[in-house]
Amino acid sequence: MKQEIYEKSIDSATQKMLQKAEERGIETAWDRYEKQLPQCSFGQLGVCCRNCNMGPCRIDPFGEGADKGICGATQTL
């Protein structure tokens, strides 16, 4: 198992799920979080989402960064 997957969770079931998701090309909350880095200044544009406890997320309205929040919400929600 890749070290980066091991570092995302200490739970073995979660690690297995992350490994399968990566093998199948399935995007997870961890992938969406990494797309949000580095975090900040999007609140001024009104695209700083606080709908869940995984944010605040910065959705890029210009199409160059994340197009949805960590939980999967888009700027239209």
N, C-alpha and C. Protein backbone atom coordinates (compact mmCIF):
# COMPACT_ATOMS: atom_id res chain seq x y z
N MET A 1 0.85 -1.19 0.00
CA MET A 1 0.00 0.00 0.00
C MET A 1 0.89 1.24 0.00
N LYS A 2 0.49 2.23 -0.77
CA LYS A 2 1.26 3.46 -0.86
C LYS A 2 1.29 4.18 0.48
N GLN A 3 2.42 4.78 0.81
CA GLN A 3 2.59 5.53 2.06
C GLN A 3 1.56 6.65 2.17
N GLU A 4 1.28 7.36 1.07
CA GLU A 4 0.34 8.48 1.13
C GLU A 4 -1.06 8.02 1.52
N ILE A 5 -1.47 6.84 1.11
CA ILE A 5 -2.78 6.30 1.50
C ILE A 5 -2.76 5.95 2.98
N TYR A 6 -1.68 5.35 3.44
CA TYR A 6 -1.54 4.99 4.85
C TYR A 6 -1.62 6.23 5.74
N GLU A 7 -1.08 7.35 5.28
CA GLU A 7 -1.07 8.58 6.06
C GLU A 7 -2.43 9.27 6.11
N LYS A 8 -3.34 8.94 5.22
CA LYS A 8 -4.65 9.58 5.20
C LYS A 8 -5.57 9.06 6.30
N SER A 9 -5.38 7.84 6.73
CA SER A 9 -6.22 7.25 7.78
C SER A 9 -5.49 6.10 8.45
N ILE A 10 -5.75 5.94 9.75
CA ILE A 10 -5.16 4.80 10.46
C ILE A 10 -6.07 3.58 10.40
N ASP A 11 -7.30 3.77 9.91
CA ASP A 11 -8.28 2.70 9.81
C ASP A 11 -7.97 1.82 8.60
N SER A 12 -7.79 0.53 8.82
CA SER A 12 -7.41 -0.38 7.73
C SER A 12 -8.49 -0.50 6.66
N ALA A 13 -9.77 -0.46 7.06
CA ALA A 13 -10.85 -0.54 6.08
C ALA A 13 -10.84 0.70 5.17
N THR A 14 -10.60 1.86 5.77
CA THR A 14 -10.53 3.10 4.99
C THR A 14 -9.35 3.06 4.04
N GLN A 15 -8.23 2.55 4.51
CA GLN A 15 -7.04 2.43 3.66
C GLN A 15 -7.32 1.53 2.45
N LYS A 16 -8.02 0.42 2.68
CA LYS A 16 -8.36 -0.49 1.58
C LYS A 16 -9.31 0.20 0.59
N MET A 17 -10.28 0.95 1.12
CA MET A 17 -11.22 1.67 0.27
C MET A 17 -10.48 2.71 -0.57
N LEU A 18 -9.54 3.43 0.03
CA LEU A 18 -8.77 4.43 -0.70
C LEU A 18 -7.93 3.79 -1.79
N GLN A 19 -7.35 2.64 -1.51
CA GLN A 19 -6.55 1.91 -2.50
C GLN A 19 -7.42 1.50 -3.69
N LYS A 20 -8.60 0.93 -3.42
CA LYS A 20 -9.52 0.53 -4.50
C LYS A 20 -10.00 1.73 -5.29
N ALA A 21 -10.31 2.83 -4.60
CA ALA A 21 -10.76 4.04 -5.30
C ALA A 21 -9.67 4.55 -6.23
N GLU A 22 -8.43 4.54 -5.77
CA GLU A 22 -7.32 5.00 -6.61
C GLU A 22 -7.15 4.10 -7.83
N GLU A 23 -7.21 2.79 -7.62
CA GLU A 23 -7.06 1.83 -8.71
C GLU A 23 -8.15 2.01 -9.77
N ARG A 24 -9.35 2.39 -9.33
CA ARG A 24 -10.49 2.52 -10.24
C ARG A 24 -10.71 3.95 -10.73
N GLY A 25 -9.86 4.87 -10.28
CA GLY A 25 -9.98 6.25 -10.72
C GLY A 25 -11.17 6.98 -10.13
N ILE A 26 -11.59 6.57 -8.95
CA ILE A 26 -12.74 7.19 -8.28
C ILE A 26 -12.25 8.31 -7.38
N GLU A 27 -12.82 9.50 -7.56
CA GLU A 27 -12.44 10.66 -6.75
C GLU A 27 -13.05 10.55 -5.35
N THR A 28 -12.24 10.83 -4.33
CA THR A 28 -12.70 10.78 -2.94
C THR A 28 -12.63 12.17 -2.31
N ALA A 29 -13.11 12.28 -1.09
CA ALA A 29 -13.02 13.54 -0.34
C ALA A 29 -11.56 13.95 -0.17
N TRP A 30 -10.67 13.00 -0.01
CA TRP A 30 -9.25 13.33 0.15
C TRP A 30 -8.70 13.94 -1.13
N ASP A 31 -9.10 13.42 -2.28
CA ASP A 31 -8.67 13.99 -3.56
C ASP A 31 -9.17 15.42 -3.72
N ARG A 32 -10.45 15.62 -3.37
CA ARG A 32 -11.02 16.97 -3.49
C ARG A 32 -10.35 17.93 -2.51
N TYR A 33 -10.01 17.44 -1.32
CA TYR A 33 -9.30 18.28 -0.35
C TYR A 33 -7.95 18.73 -0.92
N GLU A 34 -7.20 17.80 -1.50
CA GLU A 34 -5.89 18.13 -2.05
C GLU A 34 -5.99 19.16 -3.18
N LYS A 35 -7.09 19.13 -3.93
CA LYS A 35 -7.30 20.12 -4.98
C LYS A 35 -7.56 21.51 -4.41
N GLN A 36 -7.96 21.58 -3.14
CA GLN A 36 -8.25 22.86 -2.50
C GLN A 36 -6.99 23.56 -2.00
N LEU A 37 -5.88 22.86 -1.95
CA LEU A 37 -4.64 23.43 -1.38
C LEU A 37 -3.91 24.31 -2.38
N PRO A 38 -3.27 25.37 -1.98
CA PRO A 38 -3.36 25.98 -0.65
C PRO A 38 -4.70 26.69 -0.50
N GLN A 39 -5.18 26.77 0.72
CA GLN A 39 -6.50 27.33 0.96
C GLN A 39 -6.44 28.83 1.28
N CYS A 40 -7.29 29.63 0.65
CA CYS A 40 -7.68 31.02 1.03
C CYS A 40 -8.04 32.04 -0.06
N SER A 41 -8.72 33.21 0.35
CA SER A 41 -9.17 34.42 -0.39
C SER A 41 -10.40 34.26 -1.28
N PHE A 42 -11.02 33.10 -1.33
CA PHE A 42 -12.17 32.89 -2.18
C PHE A 42 -13.47 33.42 -1.58
N GLY A 43 -13.50 33.63 -0.25
CA GLY A 43 -14.70 34.18 0.39
C GLY A 43 -15.09 35.53 -0.17
N GLN A 44 -14.10 36.32 -0.59
CA GLN A 44 -14.37 37.64 -1.17
C GLN A 44 -15.13 37.51 -2.49
N LEU A 45 -14.97 36.40 -3.18
CA LEU A 45 -15.67 36.17 -4.44
C LEU A 45 -17.03 35.48 -4.23
N GLY A 46 -17.30 35.12 -2.98
CA GLY A 46 -18.57 34.44 -2.69
C GLY A 46 -18.59 32.97 -3.02
N VAL A 47 -17.44 32.35 -3.15
CA VAL A 47 -17.38 30.92 -3.46
C VAL A 47 -16.63 30.16 -2.36
N CYS A 48 -16.82 30.59 -1.13
CA CYS A 48 -16.25 29.92 0.03
C CYS A 48 -17.39 29.15 0.70
N CYS A 49 -17.42 27.85 0.52
CA CYS A 49 -18.53 27.01 0.96
C CYS A 49 -18.31 26.52 2.39
N ARG A 50 -19.36 26.65 3.21
CA ARG A 50 -19.32 26.15 4.59
C ARG A 50 -20.53 25.27 4.87
N ASN A 51 -20.94 24.47 3.89
CA ASN A 51 -22.12 23.62 4.03
C ASN A 51 -21.90 22.40 4.91
N CYS A 52 -20.67 21.99 5.12
CA CYS A 52 -20.41 20.80 5.93
C CYS A 52 -19.19 21.05 6.81
N ASN A 53 -18.80 20.06 7.59
CA ASN A 53 -17.67 20.22 8.50
C ASN A 53 -16.32 19.91 7.85
N MET A 54 -16.26 19.71 6.54
CA MET A 54 -15.00 19.41 5.87
C MET A 54 -14.37 20.65 5.25
N GLY A 55 -15.06 21.78 5.28
CA GLY A 55 -14.57 23.01 4.65
C GLY A 55 -13.99 23.96 5.67
N PRO A 56 -13.86 25.21 5.38
CA PRO A 56 -14.44 25.83 4.20
C PRO A 56 -13.68 25.48 2.93
N CYS A 57 -14.41 25.33 1.86
CA CYS A 57 -13.82 24.98 0.57
C CYS A 57 -13.74 26.21 -0.32
N ARG A 58 -12.81 26.19 -1.23
CA ARG A 58 -12.64 27.27 -2.19
C ARG A 58 -12.88 26.73 -3.59
N ILE A 59 -14.04 27.01 -4.13
CA ILE A 59 -14.40 26.55 -5.46
C ILE A 59 -13.95 27.61 -6.46
N ASP A 60 -13.19 27.20 -7.46
CA ASP A 60 -12.61 28.14 -8.41
C ASP A 60 -13.61 28.51 -9.50
N PRO A 61 -14.10 29.75 -9.51
CA PRO A 61 -15.07 30.15 -10.52
C PRO A 61 -14.46 30.36 -11.90
N PHE A 62 -13.15 30.31 -12.00
CA PHE A 62 -12.46 30.55 -13.27
C PHE A 62 -12.11 29.26 -14.00
N GLY A 63 -12.41 28.10 -13.40
CA GLY A 63 -12.19 26.82 -14.05
C GLY A 63 -10.76 26.32 -14.06
N GLU A 64 -9.91 26.88 -13.23
CA GLU A 64 -8.52 26.44 -13.20
C GLU A 64 -8.19 25.58 -11.98
N GLY A 65 -9.08 25.55 -11.00
CA GLY A 65 -8.85 24.77 -9.79
C GLY A 65 -10.02 23.84 -9.51
N ALA A 66 -10.32 23.68 -8.23
CA ALA A 66 -11.39 22.77 -7.82
C ALA A 66 -12.75 23.27 -8.31
N ASP A 67 -13.54 22.36 -8.89
CA ASP A 67 -14.86 22.74 -9.37
C ASP A 67 -15.97 22.33 -8.40
N LYS A 68 -15.59 21.66 -7.29
CA LYS A 68 -16.54 21.31 -6.26
C LYS A 68 -15.83 21.22 -4.92
N GLY A 69 -16.61 21.34 -3.85
CA GLY A 69 -16.06 21.26 -2.52
C GLY A 69 -15.63 19.85 -2.15
N ILE A 70 -15.01 19.71 -0.97
CA ILE A 70 -14.55 18.41 -0.50
C ILE A 70 -15.71 17.42 -0.43
N CYS A 71 -16.89 17.89 0.01
CA CYS A 71 -18.06 17.01 0.13
C CYS A 71 -18.73 16.74 -1.21
N GLY A 72 -18.32 17.48 -2.25
CA GLY A 72 -18.89 17.28 -3.58
C GLY A 72 -19.82 18.39 -4.02
N ALA A 73 -20.12 19.37 -3.12
CA ALA A 73 -21.01 20.48 -3.47
C ALA A 73 -20.34 21.35 -4.54
N THR A 74 -21.16 21.87 -5.46
CA THR A 74 -20.65 22.78 -6.49
C THR A 74 -21.04 24.20 -6.14
N GLN A 75 -20.56 25.16 -6.90
CA GLN A 75 -20.88 26.56 -6.60
C GLN A 75 -22.34 26.89 -6.83
N THR A 76 -23.07 26.04 -7.51
CA THR A 76 -24.49 26.30 -7.76
C THR A 76 -25.39 25.77 -6.64
N LEU A 77 -24.83 25.04 -5.69
CA LEU A 77 -25.66 24.51 -4.58
C LEU A 77 -25.79 25.52 -3.49
